[in-house]
Amino acid sequence: MIHYALIFALACFGLALLMNLYRVVKAPGVGDRILALDTMVINSIALLGLYGILQGSAIYFEASMLLAMTGFISTVAYTRFLLRGDIIE
């Protein structure tokens, strides 16, 4: 039963990832695109975590932690560039 629940959750997060990709392309403003990219990172982390549970491997959890750190830094860099015009002072 857990196998079917994991497959359903993977499909739902995959669909959410595609919807976020559409939002990145069709967003009205730059801030909305940054928010959509951040949400894509969160959905990718969830996909990696669910796939790690499905496969029974711990390497996917480490990959999701690396993706979380990279996503956080990129979101901060994008917003700083949007607000100040430069990233490094």
N, C-alpha and C. Protein backbone atom coordinates (compact mmCIF):
# COMPACT_ATOMS: atom_id res chain seq x y z
N MET A 1 0.82 -1.20 0.00
CA MET A 1 0.00 0.00 0.00
C MET A 1 0.87 1.27 0.00
N ILE A 2 1.98 1.24 0.73
CA ILE A 2 2.86 2.41 0.77
C ILE A 2 3.48 2.68 -0.60
N HIS A 3 3.67 1.63 -1.38
CA HIS A 3 4.23 1.78 -2.72
C HIS A 3 3.30 2.63 -3.59
N TYR A 4 2.02 2.37 -3.53
CA TYR A 4 1.06 3.14 -4.32
C TYR A 4 0.96 4.58 -3.83
N ALA A 5 1.06 4.77 -2.54
CA ALA A 5 1.03 6.13 -1.99
C ALA A 5 2.27 6.92 -2.45
N LEU A 6 3.41 6.27 -2.49
CA LEU A 6 4.62 6.95 -2.95
C LEU A 6 4.54 7.29 -4.43
N ILE A 7 4.00 6.39 -5.23
CA ILE A 7 3.84 6.66 -6.66
C ILE A 7 2.88 7.83 -6.87
N PHE A 8 1.78 7.86 -6.11
CA PHE A 8 0.82 8.96 -6.21
C PHE A 8 1.46 10.28 -5.80
N ALA A 9 2.23 10.27 -4.72
CA ALA A 9 2.89 11.49 -4.26
C ALA A 9 3.94 11.95 -5.27
N LEU A 10 4.68 11.02 -5.88
CA LEU A 10 5.65 11.40 -6.90
C LEU A 10 4.95 12.04 -8.10
N ALA A 11 3.81 11.49 -8.49
CA ALA A 11 3.06 12.07 -9.60
C ALA A 11 2.55 13.46 -9.26
N CYS A 12 2.07 13.64 -8.05
CA CYS A 12 1.55 14.96 -7.63
C CYS A 12 2.66 16.00 -7.60
N PHE A 13 3.81 15.65 -7.05
CA PHE A 13 4.91 16.61 -7.00
C PHE A 13 5.49 16.86 -8.38
N GLY A 14 5.47 15.85 -9.25
CA GLY A 14 5.90 16.05 -10.63
C GLY A 14 4.99 17.01 -11.37
N LEU A 15 3.69 16.86 -11.16
CA LEU A 15 2.73 17.79 -11.75
C LEU A 15 2.92 19.20 -11.21
N ALA A 16 3.16 19.32 -9.91
CA ALA A 16 3.40 20.63 -9.31
C ALA A 16 4.67 21.26 -9.88
N LEU A 17 5.67 20.44 -10.16
CA LEU A 17 6.91 20.94 -10.76
C LEU A 17 6.65 21.48 -12.16
N LEU A 18 5.82 20.80 -12.92
CA LEU A 18 5.48 21.29 -14.25
C LEU A 18 4.66 22.58 -14.19
N MET A 19 3.77 22.68 -13.21
CA MET A 19 3.00 23.92 -13.05
C MET A 19 3.90 25.09 -12.67
N ASN A 20 4.90 24.82 -11.84
CA ASN A 20 5.85 25.87 -11.47
C ASN A 20 6.70 26.28 -12.66
N LEU A 21 7.05 25.32 -13.49
CA LEU A 21 7.81 25.65 -14.70
C LEU A 21 7.00 26.57 -15.61
N TYR A 22 5.71 26.30 -15.73
CA TYR A 22 4.84 27.19 -16.50
C TYR A 22 4.81 28.58 -15.86
N ARG A 23 4.79 28.64 -14.55
CA ARG A 23 4.74 29.93 -13.85
C ARG A 23 6.04 30.70 -14.04
N VAL A 24 7.15 30.00 -14.12
CA VAL A 24 8.42 30.68 -14.37
C VAL A 24 8.40 31.35 -15.74
N VAL A 25 7.83 30.67 -16.72
CA VAL A 25 7.81 31.20 -18.08
C VAL A 25 6.78 32.33 -18.22
N LYS A 26 5.60 32.17 -17.63
CA LYS A 26 4.50 33.10 -17.87
C LYS A 26 4.22 34.07 -16.72
N ALA A 27 5.12 34.22 -15.79
CA ALA A 27 4.89 35.11 -14.64
C ALA A 27 4.92 36.57 -15.09
N PRO A 28 4.08 37.41 -14.48
CA PRO A 28 4.04 38.82 -14.89
C PRO A 28 5.25 39.64 -14.42
N GLY A 29 5.87 39.26 -13.32
CA GLY A 29 6.98 40.04 -12.79
C GLY A 29 8.16 39.17 -12.42
N VAL A 30 9.28 39.83 -12.18
CA VAL A 30 10.51 39.12 -11.83
C VAL A 30 10.39 38.47 -10.45
N GLY A 31 9.75 39.15 -9.53
CA GLY A 31 9.58 38.59 -8.18
C GLY A 31 8.76 37.31 -8.20
N ASP A 32 7.74 37.27 -9.07
CA ASP A 32 6.95 36.05 -9.19
C ASP A 32 7.77 34.90 -9.76
N ARG A 33 8.66 35.21 -10.66
CA ARG A 33 9.53 34.17 -11.24
C ARG A 33 10.51 33.63 -10.21
N ILE A 34 11.04 34.52 -9.37
CA ILE A 34 11.94 34.07 -8.31
C ILE A 34 11.20 33.18 -7.32
N LEU A 35 9.99 33.55 -6.98
CA LEU A 35 9.18 32.74 -6.08
C LEU A 35 8.86 31.38 -6.70
N ALA A 36 8.57 31.35 -8.00
CA ALA A 36 8.29 30.09 -8.69
C ALA A 36 9.53 29.21 -8.73
N LEU A 37 10.71 29.80 -8.93
CA LEU A 37 11.94 29.02 -8.91
C LEU A 37 12.20 28.43 -7.53
N ASP A 38 11.93 29.20 -6.49
CA ASP A 38 12.11 28.71 -5.13
C ASP A 38 11.14 27.56 -4.85
N THR A 39 9.92 27.68 -5.33
CA THR A 39 8.95 26.60 -5.16
C THR A 39 9.34 25.37 -5.96
N MET A 40 9.98 25.58 -7.11
CA MET A 40 10.48 24.44 -7.88
C MET A 40 11.57 23.70 -7.11
N VAL A 41 12.41 24.43 -6.43
CA VAL A 41 13.45 23.78 -5.62
C VAL A 41 12.81 22.96 -4.50
N ILE A 42 11.78 23.50 -3.86
CA ILE A 42 11.10 22.77 -2.79
C ILE A 42 10.45 21.50 -3.32
N ASN A 43 9.81 21.60 -4.49
CA ASN A 43 9.21 20.41 -5.09
C ASN A 43 10.26 19.39 -5.50
N SER A 44 11.40 19.84 -5.98
CA SER A 44 12.48 18.92 -6.35
C SER A 44 13.05 18.21 -5.12
N ILE A 45 13.14 18.93 -4.01
CA ILE A 45 13.58 18.31 -2.77
C ILE A 45 12.60 17.23 -2.33
N ALA A 46 11.31 17.53 -2.45
CA ALA A 46 10.29 16.53 -2.09
C ALA A 46 10.37 15.32 -3.02
N LEU A 47 10.59 15.54 -4.30
CA LEU A 47 10.72 14.42 -5.24
C LEU A 47 11.92 13.55 -4.90
N LEU A 48 13.04 14.18 -4.58
CA LEU A 48 14.23 13.41 -4.22
C LEU A 48 14.00 12.62 -2.93
N GLY A 49 13.35 13.23 -1.97
CA GLY A 49 13.07 12.53 -0.72
C GLY A 49 12.14 11.35 -0.92
N LEU A 50 11.08 11.55 -1.70
CA LEU A 50 10.15 10.46 -1.97
C LEU A 50 10.80 9.34 -2.77
N TYR A 51 11.62 9.71 -3.73
CA TYR A 51 12.31 8.68 -4.52
C TYR A 51 13.32 7.92 -3.66
N GLY A 52 13.93 8.61 -2.72
CA GLY A 52 14.84 7.93 -1.78
C GLY A 52 14.10 6.93 -0.91
N ILE A 53 12.90 7.29 -0.48
CA ILE A 53 12.09 6.34 0.30
C ILE A 53 11.71 5.16 -0.57
N LEU A 54 11.33 5.44 -1.82
CA LEU A 54 10.91 4.38 -2.73
C LEU A 54 12.04 3.41 -3.03
N GLN A 55 13.24 3.93 -3.23
CA GLN A 55 14.39 3.09 -3.54
C GLN A 55 15.06 2.51 -2.30
N GLY A 56 14.84 3.09 -1.15
CA GLY A 56 15.46 2.62 0.08
C GLY A 56 16.93 2.98 0.16
N SER A 57 17.30 4.11 -0.43
CA SER A 57 18.70 4.53 -0.45
C SER A 57 18.84 5.88 0.24
N ALA A 58 19.91 6.04 0.99
CA ALA A 58 20.14 7.28 1.73
C ALA A 58 20.83 8.35 0.89
N ILE A 59 21.34 7.98 -0.28
CA ILE A 59 22.07 8.95 -1.09
C ILE A 59 21.15 10.05 -1.61
N TYR A 60 19.88 9.75 -1.80
CA TYR A 60 18.94 10.75 -2.29
C TYR A 60 18.66 11.81 -1.23
N PHE A 61 18.73 11.45 0.03
CA PHE A 61 18.53 12.43 1.10
C PHE A 61 19.71 13.40 1.17
N GLU A 62 20.91 12.89 0.93
CA GLU A 62 22.07 13.78 0.87
C GLU A 62 21.99 14.71 -0.33
N ALA A 63 21.53 14.18 -1.44
CA ALA A 63 21.36 15.02 -2.64
C ALA A 63 20.30 16.09 -2.40
N SER A 64 19.25 15.74 -1.68
CA SER A 64 18.22 16.75 -1.40
C SER A 64 18.74 17.84 -0.46
N MET A 65 19.62 17.48 0.46
CA MET A 65 20.23 18.51 1.32
C MET A 65 21.12 19.45 0.51
N LEU A 66 21.88 18.92 -0.43
CA LEU A 66 22.71 19.76 -1.29
C LEU A 66 21.84 20.67 -2.16
N LEU A 67 20.74 20.14 -2.66
CA LEU A 67 19.83 20.94 -3.46
C LEU A 67 19.17 22.02 -2.62
N ALA A 68 18.86 21.72 -1.37
CA ALA A 68 18.26 22.72 -0.48
C ALA A 68 19.23 23.87 -0.21
N MET A 69 20.49 23.55 0.04
CA MET A 69 21.47 24.60 0.28
C MET A 69 21.69 25.45 -0.96
N THR A 70 21.79 24.81 -2.12
CA THR A 70 21.99 25.54 -3.36
C THR A 70 20.77 26.40 -3.69
N GLY A 71 19.59 25.86 -3.47
CA GLY A 71 18.37 26.62 -3.73
C GLY A 71 18.23 27.83 -2.84
N PHE A 72 18.59 27.68 -1.57
CA PHE A 72 18.52 28.81 -0.65
C PHE A 72 19.48 29.92 -1.07
N ILE A 73 20.72 29.54 -1.39
CA ILE A 73 21.71 30.54 -1.79
C ILE A 73 21.29 31.22 -3.08
N SER A 74 20.75 30.47 -4.04
CA SER A 74 20.34 31.09 -5.29
C SER A 74 19.15 32.02 -5.11
N THR A 75 18.22 31.67 -4.24
CA THR A 75 17.08 32.55 -3.98
C THR A 75 17.53 33.84 -3.33
N VAL A 76 18.43 33.75 -2.38
CA VAL A 76 18.96 34.95 -1.73
C VAL A 76 19.73 35.81 -2.72
N ALA A 77 20.51 35.18 -3.59
CA ALA A 77 21.28 35.93 -4.58
C ALA A 77 20.36 36.63 -5.58
N TYR A 78 19.33 35.93 -6.04
CA TYR A 78 18.39 36.55 -6.98
C TYR A 78 17.68 37.74 -6.35
N THR A 79 17.23 37.59 -5.12
CA THR A 79 16.49 38.70 -4.49
C THR A 79 17.41 39.87 -4.18
N ARG A 80 18.64 39.59 -3.77
CA ARG A 80 19.58 40.69 -3.53
C ARG A 80 19.88 41.43 -4.81
N PHE A 81 20.03 40.68 -5.90
CA PHE A 81 20.27 41.33 -7.18
C PHE A 81 19.06 42.15 -7.62
N LEU A 82 17.88 41.65 -7.34
CA LEU A 82 16.66 42.38 -7.71
C LEU A 82 16.51 43.66 -6.90
N LEU A 83 16.82 43.58 -5.61
CA LEU A 83 16.63 44.74 -4.73
C LEU A 83 17.76 45.76 -4.81
N ARG A 84 19.00 45.29 -4.92
CA ARG A 84 20.16 46.21 -4.84
C ARG A 84 20.91 46.39 -6.14
N GLY A 85 20.77 45.47 -7.07
CA GLY A 85 21.49 45.59 -8.33
C GLY A 85 22.84 44.92 -8.33
N ASP A 86 23.30 44.45 -7.19
CA ASP A 86 24.53 43.69 -7.11
C ASP A 86 24.38 42.61 -6.06
N ILE A 87 25.24 41.61 -6.15
CA ILE A 87 25.15 40.48 -5.22
C ILE A 87 26.19 40.62 -4.12
N ILE A 88 27.41 40.95 -4.51
CA ILE A 88 28.52 41.08 -3.56
C ILE A 88 28.83 42.54 -3.37
N GLU A 89 28.84 42.97 -2.12
CA GLU A 89 29.12 44.39 -1.84
C GLU A 89 30.58 44.65 -1.67
